[in-house]
Amino acid sequence: MKSVYILQHSYELEDAEETKLIGVYTSKSHAESAIERLKTKPGFCNKPEDFTIDEYILNQDSWEEGFSTMTTIQVKNKDNEWQSVEAEIMNDGNYQIIELYQNELLDQFKHLDIVKCENRNGILYAIKKA
């Protein structure tokens, strides 16, 4: 056996993704059979299109790079209004703005700037460059 097949069921649930690891199979056809057995069961029957099968090669890294944790922060745009942008949470508690599409609309803080944020009622607001 050189690879295995991972069967999962994933879907969006409000602000989070719900993922269930169904099983690990020696062939794609075994994983497909599991879908057939489960797709009429409670919960699964409401979202039968959300099954995924992924092949993984044994004894090989499937993730070869590091990772970052992303969040949403508020920054002021050129109209002096707060705008949501994605930001990477840095190890030191600061945030690096990742905004490729609307960067030209931003004012003081832009793509790749590292900023300090203030938490106001669970919402992060960029207040100054780090």
Foldseek 3Di string as FASTA:
>chain_A
DFKKKWKKFWDDDVPDIDIDGPDIGPDPVVSVVVLVVPCVDPPNVVPSVRMDIDMDTPPDDPDDDDDFDKDWAWAAWPVRDTDIFIWTQDPVRWTATADDPCQNRHDPHGHRFIFHWDADPNHTYGDGTD
